[in-house]
Amino acid sequence: MNTYRMPAEWEPHRATWLAWPKNKITWPGKVLKEVEEIYLQMISALLTGEKVYLLVDSKDTVRNILTRLTLRKIKARNLDFIGVKTVDTWIRDYGPMFVVRCHSEQVRCRSKLLPNVISRSEGPRDLITRLDEISRFARNDSAEIAFVKWRFNAWGGKYGDFARDNRVVDKIISLKSYHRFDPGIVMEGGSVDVNGRGTLLTTEQCLLNSNRNKKLLRAEIEGYLKKYLGVRNIVWLKEGIEGDDTDGHVDDLSRFVNPTTIVTATETDPRDKNHAVLEENLEILKAARSEKGKKFTIVELPMPGRVRRGRGDMAQARLPASYANFYIANKVVLVPVYSHKNDKQALKILRRVFPGRRVIGIECTPLVYGLGSIHCVTQQQPK
């Protein structure tokens, strides 16, 4: 298994996976419509540089999306619909975690591409008809790309119904063309971040939590990460931000932007509960070493203050809003913003560290109402 590695997010993608939002408990009332608009913005931006595989549960949903994209004058030929029912949209956590075969110690890898699931270029009628015919796929005989299927238990058993999304990967027929690895332990995609060269970021609060893998020790969990993701150096941060129901996912905290540089969220207000937590993580990163034994370049990223639910009984609940929950695509970087004074500063910093990509801020207050943001609802498939 160690002949495979998890590529860094900035490495070339074949596609981005999304699951269309529909859960009215996650996003009650008009919030769901606002989240749908956010998805249309994401899809529009992503299609400029790669395919988008979108999980949908009905032909009516396909028609609705195509109509709305047409009204926006968005060409959807690179958008493939996959007919799979989901409970919710958090495909980062329950979806496939793709790995690529390594061909040298320098982890230079290449891939063999699979045909599309349902090609938008065939026309809307053919596309809708083929929602029932998604079983025709070429064999990926060379196994250049594989995926890891971790167990998903709805973030430590917090939400019973959501745990049903553990079966989503099993329902995606196209994935049967790839080699699949089943470690048999609980883990979510948002709990790790890699530089593609052998170093992984994670948090103790999440991966060592007894509500995930109660009987596993740190060394055993590290063994799984090394075996299935091809890493050899693990940097353990401590805790996550206030309001994060995932028990401290690292994609709200610290992210690689190149093999030697990490952007990390910081809070300047000492009265804010996130201040001490993020300062501790910052100090850990400053002392950390790469897989080559060298220090990382650390870039501090501001926080958007206290973003709260403003409706009903949950009006005072703090949401896990963070600019670090961005997504790196082939041509763009999608950044959640929250109508806060720090939005401009965060975008400026990220534009500086991603000079070759268009950095796009998307207003995500409605999305984070559901306790996650852009990175939480995306999953990259490498070339």
Protein backbone atom coordinates (compact mmCIF):
# COMPACT_ATOMS: atom_id res chain seq x y z
CA MET A 1 0.00 0.00 0.00
CA ASN A 2 2.92 2.37 0.59
CA THR A 3 3.41 2.56 -3.19
CA TYR A 4 0.53 5.06 -3.14
CA ARG A 5 0.42 8.57 -1.77
CA MET A 6 -2.21 11.24 -1.26
CA PRO A 7 -1.39 14.15 -3.58
CA ALA A 8 -1.40 17.72 -2.36
CA GLU A 9 -4.59 19.57 -3.20
CA TRP A 10 -2.81 21.93 -5.63
CA GLU A 11 -1.59 19.05 -7.79
CA PRO A 12 -3.52 18.61 -11.08
CA HIS A 13 -7.12 17.47 -10.74
CA ARG A 14 -9.21 15.39 -13.03
CA ALA A 15 -12.33 16.60 -11.25
CA THR A 16 -13.95 17.98 -8.13
CA TRP A 17 -16.69 15.99 -6.43
CA LEU A 18 -19.72 17.71 -4.88
CA ALA A 19 -23.05 16.55 -3.47
CA TRP A 20 -26.01 18.84 -4.16
CA PRO A 21 -27.46 20.34 -0.93
CA LYS A 22 -30.95 19.29 0.08
CA ASN A 23 -31.10 18.72 3.84
CA LYS A 24 -33.72 21.06 5.32
CA ILE A 25 -32.58 20.35 8.86
CA THR A 26 -29.04 21.43 8.09
CA TRP A 27 -30.28 24.51 6.23
CA PRO A 28 -33.84 25.37 7.28
CA GLY A 29 -36.17 27.74 5.46
CA LYS A 30 -34.65 30.11 2.95
CA VAL A 31 -31.11 29.19 4.01
CA LEU A 32 -31.21 26.13 1.73
CA LYS A 33 -31.92 28.29 -1.33
CA GLU A 34 -29.03 30.54 -0.36
CA VAL A 35 -26.75 27.52 -0.10
CA GLU A 36 -27.88 26.33 -3.54
CA GLU A 37 -26.78 29.69 -4.93
CA ILE A 38 -23.38 29.21 -3.30
CA TYR A 39 -23.10 25.84 -5.02
CA LEU A 40 -23.90 27.39 -8.39
CA GLN A 41 -21.12 29.91 -7.82
CA MET A 42 -18.69 27.15 -6.91
CA ILE A 43 -19.67 25.02 -9.91
CA SER A 44 -19.34 27.99 -12.27
CA ALA A 45 -15.83 28.74 -11.01
CA LEU A 46 -14.67 25.12 -10.97
CA LEU A 47 -15.84 24.37 -14.51
CA THR A 48 -13.27 26.82 -15.89
CA GLY A 49 -10.48 24.41 -15.06
CA GLU A 50 -11.77 20.90 -14.45
CA LYS A 51 -14.71 18.55 -14.50
CA VAL A 52 -17.26 18.54 -11.71
CA TYR A 53 -18.90 15.30 -10.58
CA LEU A 54 -22.14 16.25 -8.84
CA LEU A 55 -24.12 13.76 -6.77
CA VAL A 56 -27.87 14.26 -7.20
CA ASP A 57 -30.86 12.23 -6.08
CA SER A 58 -33.35 12.79 -8.92
CA LYS A 59 -33.85 13.79 -12.54
CA ASP A 60 -35.87 16.78 -11.36
CA THR A 61 -32.79 18.03 -9.52
CA VAL A 62 -30.75 17.68 -12.72
CA ARG A 63 -33.31 19.69 -14.69
CA ASN A 64 -33.43 22.37 -12.02
CA ILE A 65 -29.65 22.75 -11.92
CA LEU A 66 -29.30 22.85 -15.70
CA THR A 67 -32.02 25.49 -15.97
CA ARG A 68 -30.35 27.69 -13.38
CA LEU A 69 -26.94 27.29 -15.00
CA THR A 70 -28.41 28.18 -18.39
CA LEU A 71 -29.96 31.34 -16.95
CA ARG A 72 -26.48 32.26 -15.69
CA LYS A 73 -25.07 31.53 -19.16
CA ILE A 74 -22.78 28.88 -17.70
CA LYS A 75 -21.67 26.15 -20.09
CA ALA A 76 -22.08 22.84 -18.31
CA ARG A 77 -20.33 20.48 -20.70
CA ASN A 78 -17.80 19.54 -18.00
CA LEU A 79 -20.49 18.88 -15.41
CA ASP A 80 -21.33 15.21 -14.85
CA PHE A 81 -24.33 14.21 -12.76
CA ILE A 82 -24.16 11.01 -10.71
CA GLY A 83 -27.43 9.57 -9.43
CA VAL A 84 -26.73 8.74 -5.78
CA LYS A 85 -28.85 9.58 -2.76
CA THR A 86 -27.13 11.24 0.17
CA VAL A 87 -28.25 12.46 3.57
CA ASP A 88 -26.15 15.62 3.34
CA THR A 89 -23.42 17.35 1.39
CA TRP A 90 -20.23 16.76 3.39
CA ILE A 91 -18.44 14.71 0.75
CA ARG A 92 -15.04 15.77 2.07
CA ASP A 93 -15.69 13.60 5.10
CA TYR A 94 -17.60 10.61 3.72
CA GLY A 95 -16.36 10.58 0.14
CA PRO A 96 -13.46 8.72 -1.47
CA MET A 97 -9.97 9.91 -0.53
CA PHE A 98 -7.96 9.52 -3.72
CA VAL A 99 -4.34 8.36 -3.81
CA VAL A 100 -1.94 7.95 -6.73
CA ARG A 101 0.70 5.35 -7.45
CA CYS A 102 4.27 6.50 -6.86
CA HIS A 103 6.91 5.72 -9.45
CA SER A 104 10.06 6.93 -7.70
CA GLU A 105 11.40 8.08 -4.38
CA GLN A 106 10.72 11.61 -5.58
CA VAL A 107 7.00 10.66 -5.59
CA ARG A 108 6.62 11.58 -9.25
CA CYS A 109 3.31 10.06 -10.26
CA ARG A 110 1.16 9.87 -13.32
CA SER A 111 -2.40 8.69 -13.88
CA LYS A 112 -4.66 6.92 -16.30
CA LEU A 113 -7.94 8.74 -16.80
CA LEU A 114 -11.36 7.18 -16.61
CA PRO A 115 -14.23 8.02 -18.94
CA ASN A 116 -16.90 10.40 -17.71
CA VAL A 117 -19.84 9.16 -15.73
CA ILE A 118 -22.51 11.05 -17.62
CA SER A 119 -21.24 13.48 -20.22
CA ARG A 120 -22.98 16.85 -20.31
CA SER A 121 -21.82 17.27 -23.92
CA GLU A 122 -24.27 14.57 -25.03
CA GLY A 123 -27.14 16.98 -24.45
CA PRO A 124 -29.64 17.45 -21.62
CA ARG A 125 -32.06 14.73 -22.78
CA ASP A 126 -29.37 12.09 -23.15
CA LEU A 127 -27.85 13.18 -19.86
CA ILE A 128 -31.11 12.77 -17.97
CA THR A 129 -31.81 9.44 -19.62
CA ARG A 130 -28.39 8.16 -18.68
CA LEU A 131 -28.91 8.81 -15.00
CA ASP A 132 -30.19 5.25 -15.02
CA GLU A 133 -27.23 3.95 -17.03
CA ILE A 134 -24.15 4.96 -15.07
CA SER A 135 -22.63 1.51 -14.92
CA ARG A 136 -20.51 1.69 -18.10
CA PHE A 137 -16.92 2.46 -17.19
CA ALA A 138 -13.54 1.46 -18.50
CA ARG A 139 -11.35 -0.72 -16.35
CA ASN A 140 -8.51 1.08 -14.63
CA ASP A 141 -6.14 -1.85 -15.13
CA SER A 142 -2.93 0.00 -14.33
CA ALA A 143 -4.29 1.21 -10.99
CA GLU A 144 -2.48 4.53 -11.26
CA ILE A 145 -5.29 6.04 -9.20
CA ALA A 146 -6.93 4.34 -6.24
CA PHE A 147 -8.96 5.53 -3.29
CA VAL A 148 -9.17 4.96 0.43
CA LYS A 149 -12.58 4.34 1.97
CA TRP A 150 -12.43 5.26 5.63
CA ARG A 151 -15.37 4.53 7.92
CA PHE A 152 -17.66 7.50 8.55
CA ASN A 153 -19.59 7.60 11.84
CA ALA A 154 -21.02 11.12 11.60
CA TRP A 155 -18.25 12.86 13.52
CA GLY A 156 -18.14 10.60 16.52
CA GLY A 157 -21.78 9.51 16.43
CA LYS A 158 -23.23 12.99 16.87
CA TYR A 159 -25.88 12.66 14.16
CA GLY A 160 -27.44 9.25 13.69
CA ASP A 161 -29.03 9.77 10.28
CA PHE A 162 -25.88 11.28 8.82
CA ALA A 163 -23.97 8.06 9.46
CA ARG A 164 -25.91 6.56 6.53
CA ASP A 165 -23.61 8.56 4.25
CA ASN A 166 -20.95 6.00 5.13
CA ARG A 167 -22.54 3.96 2.32
CA VAL A 168 -22.43 6.67 -0.36
CA VAL A 169 -19.10 5.51 -1.79
CA ASP A 170 -20.46 1.98 -2.18
CA LYS A 171 -23.26 3.34 -4.39
CA ILE A 172 -21.04 5.22 -6.86
CA ILE A 173 -20.65 2.72 -9.66
CA SER A 174 -17.84 4.64 -11.38
CA LEU A 175 -15.60 4.07 -8.36
CA LYS A 176 -15.74 0.32 -8.92
CA SER A 177 -13.22 0.85 -11.74
CA TYR A 178 -10.58 1.92 -9.22
CA HIS A 179 -8.60 -0.04 -6.70
CA ARG A 180 -10.12 0.49 -3.28
CA PHE A 181 -8.48 0.29 0.14
CA ASP A 182 -10.53 -0.22 3.30
CA PRO A 183 -8.46 0.48 6.44
CA GLY A 184 -11.48 -0.27 8.64
CA ILE A 185 -11.02 2.72 10.96
CA VAL A 186 -13.00 5.94 11.34
CA MET A 187 -11.62 9.06 9.74
CA GLU A 188 -12.88 12.08 7.82
CA GLY A 189 -11.20 13.87 4.94
CA GLY A 190 -11.35 17.23 6.70
CA SER A 191 -9.22 15.92 9.54
CA VAL A 192 -6.00 15.77 7.51
CA ASP A 193 -4.04 17.93 5.08
CA VAL A 194 -0.91 16.90 3.16
CA ASN A 195 1.92 18.55 1.24
CA GLY A 196 2.24 15.68 -1.23
CA ARG A 197 5.88 15.11 -0.24
CA GLY A 198 5.38 13.05 2.90
CA THR A 199 4.08 15.40 5.60
CA LEU A 200 0.57 15.40 7.03
CA LEU A 201 -1.20 17.85 9.36
CA THR A 202 -3.89 16.74 11.79
CA THR A 203 -5.18 17.39 15.32
CA GLU A 204 -5.15 15.43 18.53
CA GLN A 205 -8.68 16.55 19.37
CA CYS A 206 -10.07 14.74 16.35
CA LEU A 207 -7.91 11.74 15.50
CA LEU A 208 -7.20 10.77 19.10
CA ASN A 209 -10.81 11.27 20.17
CA SER A 210 -12.40 8.21 21.79
CA ASN A 211 -15.54 8.77 19.72
CA ARG A 212 -13.61 7.81 16.56
CA ASN A 213 -11.26 4.89 17.24
CA LYS A 214 -11.43 4.27 20.96
CA LYS A 215 -9.02 1.35 21.08
CA LEU A 216 -6.29 2.79 18.88
CA LEU A 217 -3.20 4.49 20.25
CA ARG A 218 -1.52 7.46 18.58
CA ALA A 219 1.22 5.25 17.14
CA GLU A 220 -1.36 2.90 15.64
CA ILE A 221 -3.27 5.77 14.01
CA GLU A 222 0.00 7.10 12.64
CA GLY A 223 0.62 3.65 11.20
CA TYR A 224 -2.65 3.78 9.27
CA LEU A 225 -1.91 7.27 7.93
CA LYS A 226 1.55 6.22 6.78
CA LYS A 227 0.34 3.00 5.22
CA TYR A 228 -2.70 4.33 3.35
CA LEU A 229 -1.74 7.94 2.55
CA GLY A 230 1.95 7.44 1.90
CA VAL A 231 3.16 9.94 4.50
CA ARG A 232 6.15 9.57 6.79
CA ASN A 233 6.03 12.76 8.84
CA ILE A 234 2.98 13.76 10.92
CA VAL A 235 2.52 17.14 12.60
CA TRP A 236 0.00 16.99 15.43
CA LEU A 237 -1.83 20.20 16.30
CA LYS A 238 -3.94 20.37 19.44
CA GLU A 239 -7.55 21.59 19.24
CA GLY A 240 -9.95 23.11 16.75
CA ILE A 241 -12.00 26.29 16.74
CA GLU A 242 -15.09 27.07 18.77
CA GLY A 243 -18.32 25.85 17.20
CA ASP A 244 -16.67 23.05 15.22
CA ASP A 245 -18.79 19.94 15.73
CA THR A 246 -16.16 17.77 13.99
CA ASP A 247 -13.90 17.87 17.06
CA GLY A 248 -11.19 19.98 15.50
CA HIS A 249 -10.85 19.36 11.77
CA VAL A 250 -7.54 20.70 10.55
CA ASP A 251 -9.07 22.23 7.40
CA ASP A 252 -10.46 25.02 9.58
CA LEU A 253 -7.04 25.62 11.13
CA SER A 254 -3.92 25.10 9.05
CA ARG A 255 -3.38 24.30 5.38
CA PHE A 256 -0.46 23.60 3.11
CA VAL A 257 -0.27 26.01 0.17
CA ASN A 258 2.96 24.53 -1.21
CA PRO A 259 5.30 21.78 0.02
CA THR A 260 7.12 24.07 2.46
CA THR A 261 4.51 26.72 3.37
CA ILE A 262 1.54 26.50 5.74
CA VAL A 263 -1.15 29.13 6.23
CA THR A 264 -2.63 28.97 9.70
CA ALA A 265 -5.59 30.73 11.28
CA THR A 266 -4.85 33.16 14.11
CA GLU A 267 -7.11 35.26 16.33
CA THR A 268 -5.77 38.60 17.58
CA ASP A 269 -8.51 39.24 20.14
CA PRO A 270 -7.30 37.75 23.45
CA ARG A 271 -10.89 37.68 24.72
CA ASP A 272 -11.92 35.33 21.94
CA LYS A 273 -11.95 31.62 22.89
CA ASN A 274 -10.11 30.84 19.67
CA HIS A 275 -7.16 33.04 20.58
CA ALA A 276 -5.34 30.66 22.94
CA VAL A 277 -6.19 27.57 20.88
CA LEU A 278 -4.84 29.05 17.66
CA GLU A 279 -1.76 30.49 19.37
CA GLU A 280 -0.88 27.03 20.68
CA ASN A 281 -1.24 25.56 17.20
CA LEU A 282 0.87 28.38 15.77
CA GLU A 283 3.71 27.62 18.17
CA ILE A 284 3.58 23.93 17.25
CA LEU A 285 3.88 24.81 13.56
CA LYS A 286 6.79 27.14 14.18
CA ALA A 287 8.65 24.31 15.87
CA ALA A 288 7.61 21.63 13.38
CA ARG A 289 9.90 20.13 10.76
CA SER A 290 9.16 18.86 7.29
CA GLU A 291 9.83 15.38 5.95
CA LYS A 292 13.29 16.73 5.06
CA GLY A 293 13.91 18.02 8.57
CA LYS A 294 13.51 21.68 7.63
CA LYS A 295 11.32 24.38 9.14
CA PHE A 296 8.14 25.42 7.37
CA THR A 297 7.33 28.93 6.24
CA ILE A 298 4.31 29.94 8.32
CA VAL A 299 1.81 32.51 7.01
CA GLU A 300 -0.79 33.77 9.46
CA LEU A 301 -4.38 34.09 8.28
CA PRO A 302 -6.92 36.17 10.24
CA MET A 303 -10.20 34.86 11.55
CA PRO A 304 -13.60 36.38 10.65
CA GLY A 305 -14.60 37.05 14.24
CA ARG A 306 -17.74 35.62 15.80
CA VAL A 307 -20.08 34.47 13.04
CA ARG A 308 -23.34 33.34 14.59
CA ARG A 309 -26.62 31.80 13.62
CA GLY A 310 -29.12 34.60 13.57
CA ARG A 311 -32.35 32.67 13.59
CA GLY A 312 -34.60 31.13 16.21
CA ASP A 313 -33.39 29.25 19.25
CA MET A 314 -29.86 28.93 17.86
CA ALA A 315 -29.33 32.67 17.48
CA GLN A 316 -26.42 32.68 19.93
CA ALA A 317 -24.60 29.60 18.67
CA ARG A 318 -21.18 30.38 17.23
CA LEU A 319 -20.44 28.92 13.82
CA PRO A 320 -17.06 27.44 12.79
CA ALA A 321 -16.29 30.17 10.29
CA SER A 322 -12.71 30.20 9.03
CA TYR A 323 -10.94 31.49 5.94
CA ALA A 324 -8.69 28.43 6.13
CA ASN A 325 -11.56 26.32 4.78
CA PHE A 326 -10.64 27.24 1.20
CA TYR A 327 -10.48 24.79 -1.71
CA ILE A 328 -7.63 24.65 -4.23
CA ALA A 329 -8.77 23.75 -7.76
CA ASN A 330 -6.82 23.68 -11.03
CA LYS A 331 -7.38 27.32 -11.94
CA VAL A 332 -9.09 28.84 -8.92
CA VAL A 333 -8.98 28.92 -5.15
CA LEU A 334 -12.45 29.20 -3.62
CA VAL A 335 -12.38 31.07 -0.32
CA PRO A 336 -15.29 31.39 2.12
CA VAL A 337 -15.91 34.97 3.25
CA TYR A 338 -18.38 36.17 5.85
CA SER A 339 -19.17 39.88 5.33
CA HIS A 340 -16.49 40.71 7.89
CA LYS A 341 -13.84 43.42 7.85
CA ASN A 342 -11.13 40.74 7.67
CA ASP A 343 -12.46 39.33 4.39
CA LYS A 344 -10.27 41.61 2.26
CA GLN A 345 -7.15 40.90 4.28
CA ALA A 346 -7.68 37.15 4.07
CA LEU A 347 -8.17 37.29 0.30
CA LYS A 348 -5.07 39.46 -0.08
CA ILE A 349 -2.96 36.94 1.84
CA LEU A 350 -4.27 33.99 -0.15
CA ARG A 351 -3.74 35.78 -3.46
CA ARG A 352 -0.14 36.28 -2.46
CA VAL A 353 0.43 32.58 -1.73
CA PHE A 354 -1.48 31.40 -4.83
CA PRO A 355 -0.04 33.66 -7.57
CA GLY A 356 -0.90 31.26 -10.38
CA ARG A 357 -4.57 30.87 -9.53
CA ARG A 358 -7.59 33.14 -9.41
CA VAL A 359 -8.60 33.53 -5.76
CA ILE A 360 -12.38 33.95 -5.50
CA GLY A 361 -14.19 34.97 -2.34
CA ILE A 362 -17.67 33.48 -1.94
CA GLU A 363 -20.06 34.73 0.75
CA CYS A 364 -20.55 31.62 2.87
CA THR A 365 -22.47 32.69 5.95
CA PRO A 366 -25.46 30.58 4.80
CA LEU A 367 -23.20 27.59 4.10
CA VAL A 368 -21.45 27.69 7.47
CA TYR A 369 -24.90 27.81 9.08
CA GLY A 370 -24.71 24.05 8.49
CA LEU A 371 -21.40 23.94 10.43
CA GLY A 372 -19.09 23.60 7.45
CA SER A 373 -17.82 25.60 4.52
CA ILE A 374 -16.27 25.25 1.05
CA HIS A 375 -13.54 22.72 1.77
CA CYS A 376 -15.99 20.58 3.73
CA VAL A 377 -18.26 20.14 0.70
CA THR A 378 -15.58 19.46 -1.93
CA GLN A 379 -13.38 16.46 -2.72
CA GLN A 380 -10.63 16.47 -5.33
CA GLN A 381 -9.88 13.64 -7.74
CA PRO A 382 -6.29 13.82 -9.03
CA LYS A 383 -4.97 13.12 -12.49
